C-alpha atoms as a PDB file:
ATOM      1  CA  UNK A   1     -15.694 -22.526   3.634  1.00  0.00           C
ATOM      2  CA  UNK A   2     -13.336 -20.005   5.169  1.00  0.00           C
ATOM      3  CA  UNK A   3     -11.277 -17.492   2.732  1.00  0.00           C
ATOM      4  CA  UNK A   4      -7.989 -17.542   4.191  1.00  0.00           C
ATOM      5  CA  UNK A   5      -7.184 -14.767   1.643  1.00  0.00           C
ATOM      6  CA  UNK A   6      -3.532 -13.649   2.855  1.00  0.00           C
ATOM      7  CA  UNK A   7      -2.366 -17.151   4.359  1.00  0.00           C
ATOM      8  CA  UNK A   8      -3.205 -18.414   0.839  1.00  0.00           C
ATOM      9  CA  UNK A   9      -1.399 -15.539  -0.610  1.00  0.00           C
ATOM     10  CA  UNK A  10       1.499 -16.066   1.414  1.00  0.00           C
ATOM     11  CA  UNK A  11       1.665 -20.175   0.863  1.00  0.00           C
ATOM     12  CA  UNK A  12       1.182 -18.846  -3.073  1.00  0.00           C
ATOM     13  CA  UNK A  13       4.192 -16.744  -2.840  1.00  0.00           C
ATOM     14  CA  UNK A  14       6.017 -19.265  -0.785  1.00  0.00           C
ATOM     15  CA  UNK A  15       5.288 -21.881  -3.349  1.00  0.00           C
ATOM     16  CA  UNK A  16       6.711 -20.066  -6.323  1.00  0.00           C
ATOM     17  CA  UNK A  17      10.272 -21.244  -8.032  1.00  0.00           C
ATOM     18  CA  UNK A  18      12.631 -18.648  -7.044  1.00  0.00           C
ATOM     19  CA  UNK A  19       9.975 -16.211  -5.433  1.00  0.00           C
ATOM     20  CA  UNK A  20      12.559 -14.374  -3.193  1.00  0.00           C
ATOM     21  CA  UNK A  21      14.572 -13.380  -5.941  1.00  0.00           C
ATOM     22  CA  UNK A  22      11.492 -12.547  -7.907  1.00  0.00           C
ATOM     23  CA  UNK A  23      10.554  -9.766  -5.038  1.00  0.00           C
ATOM     24  CA  UNK A  24      14.062  -8.680  -4.685  1.00  0.00           C
ATOM     25  CA  UNK A  25      13.990  -8.055  -8.542  1.00  0.00           C
ATOM     26  CA  UNK A  26      10.536  -6.407  -8.750  1.00  0.00           C
ATOM     27  CA  UNK A  27      11.754  -3.941  -5.746  1.00  0.00           C
ATOM     28  CA  UNK A  28      14.608  -2.870  -8.218  1.00  0.00           C
ATOM     29  CA  UNK A  29      12.516  -2.303 -10.902  1.00  0.00           C
ATOM     30  CA  UNK A  30      10.038  -0.276  -8.811  1.00  0.00           C
ATOM     31  CA  UNK A  31      12.806   1.980  -7.995  1.00  0.00           C
ATOM     32  CA  UNK A  32      12.473   2.978 -11.670  1.00  0.00           C
ATOM     33  CA  UNK A  33      10.352   6.226 -12.345  1.00  0.00           C
ATOM     34  CA  UNK A  34       7.183   5.798 -13.738  1.00  0.00           C
ATOM     35  CA  UNK A  35       8.338   2.685 -15.387  1.00  0.00           C
ATOM     36  CA  UNK A  36       8.958   0.809 -12.541  1.00  0.00           C
ATOM     37  CA  UNK A  37       5.613   1.179 -10.929  1.00  0.00           C
ATOM     38  CA  UNK A  38       3.798   0.237 -14.123  1.00  0.00           C
ATOM     39  CA  UNK A  39       5.625  -3.192 -14.161  1.00  0.00           C
ATOM     40  CA  UNK A  40       5.285  -4.208 -10.749  1.00  0.00           C
ATOM     41  CA  UNK A  41       1.243  -3.063 -10.899  1.00  0.00           C
ATOM     42  CA  UNK A  42       0.914  -4.859 -14.027  1.00  0.00           C
ATOM     43  CA  UNK A  43       3.020  -7.751 -12.574  1.00  0.00           C
ATOM     44  CA  UNK A  44       1.041  -8.214  -9.339  1.00  0.00           C
ATOM     45  CA  UNK A  45      -2.297  -7.503 -10.748  1.00  0.00           C
ATOM     46  CA  UNK A  46      -1.863 -10.289 -13.519  1.00  0.00           C
ATOM     47  CA  UNK A  47      -1.004 -12.623 -11.049  1.00  0.00           C
ATOM     48  CA  UNK A  48      -4.117 -11.497  -8.897  1.00  0.00           C
ATOM     49  CA  UNK A  49      -6.418 -11.865 -11.784  1.00  0.00           C
ATOM     50  CA  UNK A  50      -5.638 -15.203 -12.233  1.00  0.00           C
ATOM     51  CA  UNK A  51      -6.342 -16.410  -8.929  1.00  0.00           C
ATOM     52  CA  UNK A  52     -10.010 -14.241  -9.367  1.00  0.00           C
ATOM     53  CA  UNK A  53     -10.306 -16.851 -12.444  1.00  0.00           C
ATOM     54  CA  UNK A  54      -9.989 -19.504  -9.960  1.00  0.00           C
ATOM     55  CA  UNK A  55      -6.126 -20.252 -10.975  1.00  0.00           C
ATOM     56  CA  UNK A  56      -4.247 -21.687  -8.371  1.00  0.00           C
ATOM     57  CA  UNK A  57      -0.401 -20.772  -9.905  1.00  0.00           C
ATOM     58  CA  UNK A  58       2.827 -19.666  -9.098  1.00  0.00           C
ATOM     59  CA  UNK A  59       3.984 -16.539  -9.401  1.00  0.00           C
ATOM     60  CA  UNK A  60       4.620 -15.598 -13.312  1.00  0.00           C
ATOM     61  CA  UNK A  61       8.248 -16.983 -13.999  1.00  0.00           C
ATOM     62  CA  UNK A  62       9.536 -13.717 -16.017  1.00  0.00           C
ATOM     63  CA  UNK A  63       8.731 -10.229 -14.937  1.00  0.00           C
ATOM     64  CA  UNK A  64       8.574  -9.027 -18.320  1.00  0.00           C
ATOM     65  CA  UNK A  65       7.457 -11.788 -20.080  1.00  0.00           C
ATOM     66  CA  UNK A  66       4.148 -10.013 -21.266  1.00  0.00           C
ATOM     67  CA  UNK A  67       2.645 -13.069 -21.929  1.00  0.00           C
ATOM     68  CA  UNK A  68      -1.107 -12.246 -22.155  1.00  0.00           C
ATOM     69  CA  UNK A  69       0.571  -8.859 -24.011  1.00  0.00           C
ATOM     70  CA  UNK A  70      -1.448  -6.418 -21.210  1.00  0.00           C
ATOM     71  CA  UNK A  71       1.150  -6.323 -18.875  1.00  0.00           C
ATOM     72  CA  UNK A  72       2.360  -2.636 -19.298  1.00  0.00           C
ATOM     73  CA  UNK A  73      -1.485  -1.301 -20.272  1.00  0.00           C
ATOM     74  CA  UNK A  74      -2.598  -3.087 -17.060  1.00  0.00           C
ATOM     75  CA  UNK A  75      -0.118  -1.465 -14.771  1.00  0.00           C
ATOM     76  CA  UNK A  76      -0.549   2.126 -16.861  1.00  0.00           C
ATOM     77  CA  UNK A  77      -4.308   1.594 -16.011  1.00  0.00           C
ATOM     78  CA  UNK A  78      -3.519   1.197 -12.416  1.00  0.00           C
ATOM     79  CA  UNK A  79      -1.261   4.484 -12.424  1.00  0.00           C
ATOM     80  CA  UNK A  80      -4.165   6.295 -13.799  1.00  0.00           C
ATOM     81  CA  UNK A  81      -6.734   5.025 -11.253  1.00  0.00           C
ATOM     82  CA  UNK A  82      -4.260   5.340  -8.705  1.00  0.00           C
ATOM     83  CA  UNK A  83      -3.612   9.359  -9.457  1.00  0.00           C
ATOM     84  CA  UNK A  84      -7.495   9.923 -10.520  1.00  0.00           C
ATOM     85  CA  UNK A  85      -8.572   8.764  -6.847  1.00  0.00           C
ATOM     86  CA  UNK A  86      -5.370  10.742  -4.987  1.00  0.00           C
ATOM     87  CA  UNK A  87      -6.514  13.698  -6.922  1.00  0.00           C
ATOM     88  CA  UNK A  88     -10.371  13.523  -5.934  1.00  0.00           C
ATOM     89  CA  UNK A  89      -9.449  12.526  -2.411  1.00  0.00           C
ATOM     90  CA  UNK A  90      -7.048  15.861  -1.968  1.00  0.00           C
ATOM     91  CA  UNK A  91     -10.047  18.034  -3.665  1.00  0.00           C
ATOM     92  CA  UNK A  92     -12.748  16.481  -1.340  1.00  0.00           C
ATOM     93  CA  UNK A  93      -9.919  17.437   1.546  1.00  0.00           C
ATOM     94  CA  UNK A  94      -9.634  20.680   0.178  1.00  0.00           C
ATOM     95  CA  UNK A  95     -13.475  21.688  -0.231  1.00  0.00           C
ATOM     96  CA  UNK A  96     -14.384  20.366   3.605  1.00  0.00           C
ATOM     97  CA  UNK A  97     -11.420  22.367   4.972  1.00  0.00           C
ATOM     98  CA  UNK A  98     -12.352  24.924   2.925  1.00  0.00           C
ATOM     99  CA  UNK A  99     -16.130  24.475   4.173  1.00  0.00           C
ATOM    100  CA  UNK A 100     -14.956  24.551   7.975  1.00  0.00           C
ATOM    101  CA  UNK A 101     -13.244  27.586   7.777  1.00  0.00           C
ATOM    102  CA  UNK A 102     -16.181  29.227   6.650  1.00  0.00           C
ATOM    103  CA  UNK A 103     -18.673  27.744   8.897  1.00  0.00           C
ATOM    104  CA  UNK A 104     -15.955  28.473  11.528  1.00  0.00           C
ATOM    105  CA  UNK A 105     -15.482  32.110  10.333  1.00  0.00           C
ATOM    106  CA  UNK A 106     -19.588  32.725  10.012  1.00  0.00           C
ATOM    107  CA  UNK A 107     -19.832  31.591  13.920  1.00  0.00           C
ATOM    108  CA  UNK A 108     -16.850  34.051  14.688  1.00  0.00           C
ATOM    109  CA  UNK A 109     -18.549  36.983  12.980  1.00  0.00           C
ATOM    110  CA  UNK A 110     -21.588  35.996  14.673  1.00  0.00           C
ATOM    111  CA  UNK A 111     -20.300  35.827  18.082  1.00  0.00           C
ATOM    112  CA  UNK A 112     -17.595  38.716  17.905  1.00  0.00           C
ATOM    113  CA  UNK A 113     -17.636  39.475  21.704  1.00  0.00           C
ATOM    114  CA  UNK A 114     -15.734  38.494  24.380  1.00  0.00           C
ATOM    115  CA  UNK A 115     -18.457  37.032  26.219  1.00  0.00           C
ATOM    116  CA  UNK A 116     -18.985  34.639  23.761  1.00  0.00           C
ATOM    117  CA  UNK A 117     -15.396  33.717  22.914  1.00  0.00           C
ATOM    118  CA  UNK A 118     -16.021  30.460  25.057  1.00  0.00           C
ATOM    119  CA  UNK A 119     -18.703  29.123  22.899  1.00  0.00           C
ATOM    120  CA  UNK A 120     -16.468  28.657  20.073  1.00  0.00           C
ATOM    121  CA  UNK A 121     -14.452  26.111  21.530  1.00  0.00           C
ATOM    122  CA  UNK A 122     -17.315  23.393  21.636  1.00  0.00           C
ATOM    123  CA  UNK A 123     -17.786  23.836  17.312  1.00  0.00           C
ATOM    124  CA  UNK A 124     -14.441  23.248  16.898  1.00  0.00           C
ATOM    125  CA  UNK A 125     -13.986  20.606  18.712  1.00  0.00           C
ATOM    126  CA  UNK A 126     -16.887  19.249  17.229  1.00  0.00           C
ATOM    127  CA  UNK A 127     -15.913  20.099  14.056  1.00  0.00           C
ATOM    128  CA  UNK A 128     -12.160  18.685  14.498  1.00  0.00           C
ATOM    129  CA  UNK A 129     -14.150  15.347  15.698  1.00  0.00           C
ATOM    130  CA  UNK A 130     -16.490  15.324  12.633  1.00  0.00           C
ATOM    131  CA  UNK A 131     -13.362  15.504   9.897  1.00  0.00           C
ATOM    132  CA  UNK A 132     -11.582  13.101  11.907  1.00  0.00           C
ATOM    133  CA  UNK A 133     -14.113  10.608  11.426  1.00  0.00           C
ATOM    134  CA  UNK A 134     -14.860  11.383   8.352  1.00  0.00           C
ATOM    135  CA  UNK A 135     -11.394  10.702   7.415  1.00  0.00           C
ATOM    136  CA  UNK A 136     -11.545   7.700   9.035  1.00  0.00           C
ATOM    137  CA  UNK A 137     -13.900   6.605   7.076  1.00  0.00           C
ATOM    138  CA  UNK A 138     -12.731   7.904   3.707  1.00  0.00           C
ATOM    139  CA  UNK A 139      -9.143   6.027   4.039  1.00  0.00           C
ATOM    140  CA  UNK A 140     -11.309   3.053   4.171  1.00  0.00           C
ATOM    141  CA  UNK A 141     -13.743   3.728   1.388  1.00  0.00           C
ATOM    142  CA  UNK A 142     -11.114   5.292  -0.711  1.00  0.00           C
ATOM    143  CA  UNK A 143      -8.757   1.987  -0.346  1.00  0.00           C
ATOM    144  CA  UNK A 144     -11.422  -0.403  -0.647  1.00  0.00           C
ATOM    145  CA  UNK A 145     -12.758   1.574  -3.902  1.00  0.00           C
ATOM    146  CA  UNK A 146      -9.248   1.332  -5.653  1.00  0.00           C
ATOM    147  CA  UNK A 147      -8.444  -2.109  -5.010  1.00  0.00           C
ATOM    148  CA  UNK A 148     -11.740  -3.571  -6.254  1.00  0.00           C
ATOM    149  CA  UNK A 149     -11.177  -0.868  -9.601  1.00  0.00           C
ATOM    150  CA  UNK A 150      -7.982  -2.657 -10.050  1.00  0.00           C
ATOM    151  CA  UNK A 151      -9.210  -6.091 -10.097  1.00  0.00           C
ATOM    152  CA  UNK A 152     -12.442  -5.153 -12.404  1.00  0.00           C
ATOM    153  CA  UNK A 153      -9.941  -3.129 -14.838  1.00  0.00           C
ATOM    154  CA  UNK A 154      -7.741  -6.505 -14.669  1.00  0.00           C
ATOM    155  CA  UNK A 155     -10.139  -8.701 -15.423  1.00  0.00           C
ATOM    156  CA  UNK A 156     -11.502  -6.335 -18.501  1.00  0.00           C
ATOM    157  CA  UNK A 157      -8.562  -4.906 -19.213  1.00  0.00           C
ATOM    158  CA  UNK A 158     -10.292  -1.485 -19.682  1.00  0.00           C
ATOM    159  CA  UNK A 159      -9.800   1.398 -17.833  1.00  0.00           C
ATOM    160  CA  UNK A 160     -13.393   2.112 -17.802  1.00  0.00           C
ATOM    161  CA  UNK A 161     -14.633  -0.776 -16.076  1.00  0.00           C
ATOM    162  CA  UNK A 162     -12.135   0.461 -13.312  1.00  0.00           C
ATOM    163  CA  UNK A 163     -14.322   3.661 -12.667  1.00  0.00           C
ATOM    164  CA  UNK A 164     -17.942   2.217 -13.137  1.00  0.00           C
ATOM    165  CA  UNK A 165     -18.673   3.103  -9.407  1.00  0.00           C
ATOM    166  CA  UNK A 166     -22.230   1.276  -9.340  1.00  0.00           C
ATOM    167  CA  UNK A 167     -20.197  -2.279 -10.092  1.00  0.00           C
ATOM    168  CA  UNK A 168     -17.469  -1.575  -7.603  1.00  0.00           C
ATOM    169  CA  UNK A 169     -20.071  -0.632  -4.941  1.00  0.00           C
ATOM    170  CA  UNK A 170     -22.125  -3.513  -5.490  1.00  0.00           C
ATOM    171  CA  UNK A 171     -19.002  -6.235  -4.815  1.00  0.00           C
ATOM    172  CA  UNK A 172     -17.775  -4.030  -1.791  1.00  0.00           C
ATOM    173  CA  UNK A 173     -21.428  -3.656  -0.118  1.00  0.00           C
ATOM    174  CA  UNK A 174     -21.444  -7.930  -0.895  1.00  0.00           C
ATOM    175  CA  UNK A 175     -18.397  -8.282   1.478  1.00  0.00           C
ATOM    176  CA  UNK A 176     -16.837  -5.465   2.740  1.00  0.00           C
ATOM    177  CA  UNK A 177     -15.726  -7.859   6.010  1.00  0.00           C
ATOM    178  CA  UNK A 178     -13.555  -9.538   3.444  1.00  0.00           C
ATOM    179  CA  UNK A 179     -11.536  -6.459   2.462  1.00  0.00           C
ATOM    180  CA  UNK A 180     -11.323  -4.935   5.702  1.00  0.00           C
ATOM    181  CA  UNK A 181      -9.403  -8.327   7.029  1.00  0.00           C
ATOM    182  CA  UNK A 182      -7.156  -7.974   3.813  1.00  0.00           C
ATOM    183  CA  UNK A 183      -6.619  -4.207   4.899  1.00  0.00           C
ATOM    184  CA  UNK A 184      -5.880  -4.774   8.478  1.00  0.00           C
ATOM    185  CA  UNK A 185      -3.653  -8.226   7.381  1.00  0.00           C
ATOM    186  CA  UNK A 186      -1.601  -5.355   5.268  1.00  0.00           C
ATOM    187  CA  UNK A 187      -1.574  -3.188   7.994  1.00  0.00           C
ATOM    188  CA  UNK A 188      -0.022  -5.448  10.028  1.00  0.00           C
ATOM    189  CA  UNK A 189       2.395  -6.203   7.916  1.00  0.00           C
ATOM    190  CA  UNK A 190       3.358  -2.817   7.187  1.00  0.00           C
ATOM    191  CA  UNK A 191       3.549  -1.847  11.069  1.00  0.00           C
ATOM    192  CA  UNK A 192       5.736  -5.482  11.646  1.00  0.00           C
ATOM    193  CA  UNK A 193       8.246  -4.388   8.698  1.00  0.00           C
ATOM    194  CA  UNK A 194       8.182  -0.930  10.301  1.00  0.00           C
ATOM    195  CA  UNK A 195       9.125  -1.634  13.842  1.00  0.00           C
ATOM    196  CA  UNK A 196      11.996  -4.540  12.120  1.00  0.00           C
ATOM    197  CA  UNK A 197      13.911  -1.687  10.392  1.00  0.00           C
ATOM    198  CA  UNK A 198      13.207   0.643  13.280  1.00  0.00           C
ATOM    199  CA  UNK A 199      15.164  -1.718  15.369  1.00  0.00           C
ATOM    200  CA  UNK A 200      17.788  -2.281  13.073  1.00  0.00           C
ATOM    201  CA  UNK A 201      18.360   1.357  12.241  1.00  0.00           C
ATOM    202  CA  UNK A 202      18.922   2.002  16.184  1.00  0.00           C
ATOM    203  CA  UNK A 203      21.403  -0.822  16.750  1.00  0.00           C
ATOM    204  CA  UNK A 204      23.251   0.856  14.051  1.00  0.00           C
ATOM    205  CA  UNK A 205      23.383   4.015  15.116  1.00  0.00           C
ATOM    206  CA  UNK A 206      24.027   2.965  18.771  1.00  0.00           C
ATOM    207  CA  UNK A 207      27.218   0.500  17.117  1.00  0.00           C
ATOM    208  CA  UNK A 208      28.179   3.490  15.183  1.00  0.00           C
ATOM    209  CA  UNK A 209      28.287   5.855  18.001  1.00  0.00           C
ATOM    210  CA  UNK A 210      30.393   3.272  19.784  1.00  0.00           C
ATOM    211  CA  UNK A 211      32.799   2.767  17.151  1.00  0.00           C
ATOM    212  CA  UNK A 212      33.268   6.225  16.806  1.00  0.00           C
ATOM    213  CA  UNK A 213      34.112   7.372  20.082  1.00  0.00           C
ATOM    214  CA  UNK A 214      36.589   3.710  20.594  1.00  0.00           C
ATOM    215  CA  UNK A 215      38.364   5.586  17.190  1.00  0.00           C
ATOM    216  CA  UNK A 216      38.083   8.906  18.668  1.00  0.00           C
ATOM    217  CA  UNK A 217      39.782   7.237  22.362  1.00  0.00           C
ATOM    218  CA  UNK A 218      42.332   5.466  20.238  1.00  0.00           C
ATOM    219  CA  UNK A 219      43.503   8.346  18.445  1.00  0.00           C
ATOM    220  CA  UNK A 220      44.065  10.365  21.795  1.00  0.00           C
ATOM    221  CA  UNK A 221      45.691   7.460  23.806  1.00  0.00           C
ATOM    222  CA  UNK A 222      47.695   6.434  20.705  1.00  0.00           C
ATOM    223  CA  UNK A 223      48.831   9.217  18.537  1.00  0.00           C
ATOM    224  CA  UNK A 224      47.146   8.527  15.531  1.00  0.00           C
ATOM    225  CA  UNK A 225      47.876  11.050  12.945  1.00  0.00           C
ATOM    226  CA  UNK A 226      45.240  13.078  11.480  1.00  0.00           C
ATOM    227  CA  UNK A 227      45.015  11.789   7.915  1.00  0.00           C
ATOM    228  CA  UNK A 228      44.922   8.026   9.272  1.00  0.00           C
ATOM    229  CA  UNK A 229      41.703   8.873  11.787  1.00  0.00           C
ATOM    230  CA  UNK A 230      40.523  10.817   8.719  1.00  0.00           C
ATOM    231  CA  UNK A 231      40.952   7.860   6.556  1.00  0.00           C
ATOM    232  CA  UNK A 232      38.958   6.074   9.037  1.00  0.00           C
ATOM    233  CA  UNK A 233      36.808   8.310   9.320  1.00  0.00           C
ATOM    234  CA  UNK A 234      35.634   8.236   5.615  1.00  0.00           C
ATOM    235  CA  UNK A 235      36.118   4.223   5.483  1.00  0.00           C
ATOM    236  CA  UNK A 236      33.309   4.465   8.864  1.00  0.00           C
ATOM    237  CA  UNK A 237      31.390   6.893   6.419  1.00  0.00           C
ATOM    238  CA  UNK A 238      31.170   4.883   3.375  1.00  0.00           C
ATOM    239  CA  UNK A 239      30.168   1.648   5.440  1.00  0.00           C
ATOM    240  CA  UNK A 240      27.381   3.617   6.459  1.00  0.00           C
ATOM    241  CA  UNK A 241      26.194   4.815   3.589  1.00  0.00           C
ATOM    242  CA  UNK A 242      26.200   1.371   1.795  1.00  0.00           C
ATOM    243  CA  UNK A 243      24.369  -0.121   5.235  1.00  0.00           C
ATOM    244  CA  UNK A 244      22.075   2.760   4.807  1.00  0.00           C
ATOM    245  CA  UNK A 245      21.258   1.953   1.109  1.00  0.00           C
ATOM    246  CA  UNK A 246      21.065  -1.524   1.929  1.00  0.00           C
ATOM    247  CA  UNK A 247      18.440  -1.178   4.759  1.00  0.00           C
ATOM    248  CA  UNK A 248      16.287   1.009   2.184  1.00  0.00           C
ATOM    249  CA  UNK A 249      16.887  -1.469  -0.375  1.00  0.00           C
ATOM    250  CA  UNK A 250      15.510  -3.692   1.877  1.00  0.00           C
ATOM    251  CA  UNK A 251      12.277  -1.593   3.274  1.00  0.00           C
ATOM    252  CA  UNK A 252      11.515  -1.624  -0.354  1.00  0.00           C
ATOM    253  CA  UNK A 253      11.895  -5.375  -0.914  1.00  0.00           C
ATOM    254  CA  UNK A 254       9.422  -5.677   2.179  1.00  0.00           C
ATOM    255  CA  UNK A 255       6.754  -3.020   0.410  1.00  0.00           C
ATOM    256  CA  UNK A 256       6.346  -4.924  -2.984  1.00  0.00           C
ATOM    257  CA  UNK A 257       5.882  -8.050  -0.561  1.00  0.00           C
ATOM    258  CA  UNK A 258       3.377  -7.034   1.203  1.00  0.00           C
ATOM    259  CA  UNK A 259       1.980  -5.353  -2.131  1.00  0.00           C
ATOM    260  CA  UNK A 260       1.889  -9.029  -3.378  1.00  0.00           C
ATOM    261  CA  UNK A 261       0.312 -10.768  -0.905  1.00  0.00           C
ATOM    262  CA  UNK A 262      -2.247  -8.088  -0.951  1.00  0.00           C
ATOM    263  CA  UNK A 263      -3.033  -8.073  -4.274  1.00  0.00           C
ATOM    264  CA  UNK A 264      -3.000 -11.560  -4.530  1.00  0.00           C
ATOM    265  CA  UNK A 265      -5.555 -11.708  -1.549  1.00  0.00           C
ATOM    266  CA  UNK A 266      -7.530  -9.639  -3.472  1.00  0.00           C
ATOM    267  CA  UNK A 267      -7.642 -11.946  -6.482  1.00  0.00           C
ATOM    268  CA  UNK A 268      -9.107 -14.759  -3.798  1.00  0.00           C
ATOM    269  CA  UNK A 269     -11.807 -12.382  -2.857  1.00  0.00           C
ATOM    270  CA  UNK A 270     -12.745 -11.606  -5.982  1.00  0.00           C
ATOM    271  CA  UNK A 271     -13.128 -15.162  -6.754  1.00  0.00           C
ATOM    272  CA  UNK A 272     -16.146 -15.306  -4.513  1.00  0.00           C
ATOM    273  CA  UNK A 273     -18.367 -13.416  -7.208  1.00  0.00           C
ATOM    274  CA  UNK A 274     -17.671 -16.257  -9.987  1.00  0.00           C
ATOM    275  CA  UNK A 275     -15.956 -14.075 -12.812  1.00  0.00           C
ATOM    276  CA  UNK A 276     -16.247 -17.229 -15.214  1.00  0.00           C
ATOM    277  CA  UNK A 277     -19.940 -15.976 -15.189  1.00  0.00           C
ATOM    278  CA  UNK A 278     -19.249 -12.347 -15.947  1.00  0.00           C
ATOM    279  CA  UNK A 279     -20.760 -11.364 -18.921  1.00  0.00           C
ATOM    280  CA  UNK A 280     -19.692  -7.783 -20.060  1.00  0.00           C
ATOM    281  CA  UNK A 281     -18.530  -5.013 -18.324  1.00  0.00           C
ATOM    282  CA  UNK A 282     -21.775  -3.287 -18.087  1.00  0.00           C
ATOM    283  CA  UNK A 283     -23.517  -6.334 -17.184  1.00  0.00           C
ATOM    284  CA  UNK A 284     -24.898  -6.937 -13.599  1.00  0.00           C
ATOM    285  CA  UNK A 285     -22.851  -9.092 -11.227  1.00  0.00           C
ATOM    286  CA  UNK A 286     -24.196 -12.770 -10.960  1.00  0.00           C
ATOM    287  CA  UNK A 287     -25.137 -13.961  -7.555  1.00  0.00           C
ATOM    288  CA  UNK A 288     -22.713 -14.105  -5.078  1.00  0.00           C
ATOM    289  CA  UNK A 289     -21.308 -17.807  -4.713  1.00  0.00           C
ATOM    290  CA  UNK A 290     -22.958 -19.418  -1.455  1.00  0.00           C
ATOM    291  CA  UNK A 291     -20.090 -21.771  -0.857  1.00  0.00           C
ATOM    292  CA  UNK A 292     -17.547 -19.350  -0.514  1.00  0.00           C
ATOM    293  CA  UNK A 293     -19.204 -16.013   0.915  1.00  0.00           C
ATOM    294  CA  UNK A 294     -19.143 -15.211   4.733  1.00  0.00           C
ATOM    295  CA  UNK A 295     -16.070 -16.824   5.241  1.00  0.00           C
ATOM    296  CA  UNK A 296     -14.258 -15.311   8.525  1.00  0.00           C
ATOM    297  CA  UNK A 297     -10.507 -16.090   7.647  1.00  0.00           C
ATOM    298  CA  UNK A 298      -7.854 -13.820   6.656  1.00  0.00           C
END
């Protein structure tokens, strides 16, 4: 059975009542420092958890409904997992950079002669390529870990279940291709949104330049007073500011939409592990469902 995770998530969003209004409201809520991301993550992860349980339900009607009593706790746990992972990643990068710099310094000290200066180029290039390759691998590893950790936390409603590295790795190892498909679908969505927004900004700036040149030319040939020209400039500035805010908000809406699709996709991906047969968070996972494993859809 093919797992069309992203397409199923898109259909689930589109099948929800007033889905666009909910996404726009989530985008507004997300702008509130700390509280906003907690609510958005708690809401979307709760919906993803429903998918993991095999429920083909639409988006919950009320963002602040907190029907299961875990909305804020779930969102706060998601924030903790994300922060802890970010700290671990930055610490790892710092250690790698320190070790690489130490090795380069040691090599330079051993060959501190102009005759061997050219030899420094090869280890530097090799080291840079190695750091880059490890960085690419780390991006996928960290992202996959965070996703699976969030799903486990949402299902068990405990923070500790999100840091069970053995269980998380077991789930990733069983179906990394599914997570990779979700990753690239989410990345493609982000790139498309970014490209569209870039075109919009370019068009607006281009039109703004034309209008500004037109106003300047009109002032030169029609004798508009400086006060009148200043009023036009102020009105243009206000209009540009309002439009910039609208475009920025539209970007946030698109970001929340992608987040909803990714989380719901993760719920569908987790469903293949037969969540109904899970015991406590310390119990081993049941065998992978043969009916749903090995799909190649997105």
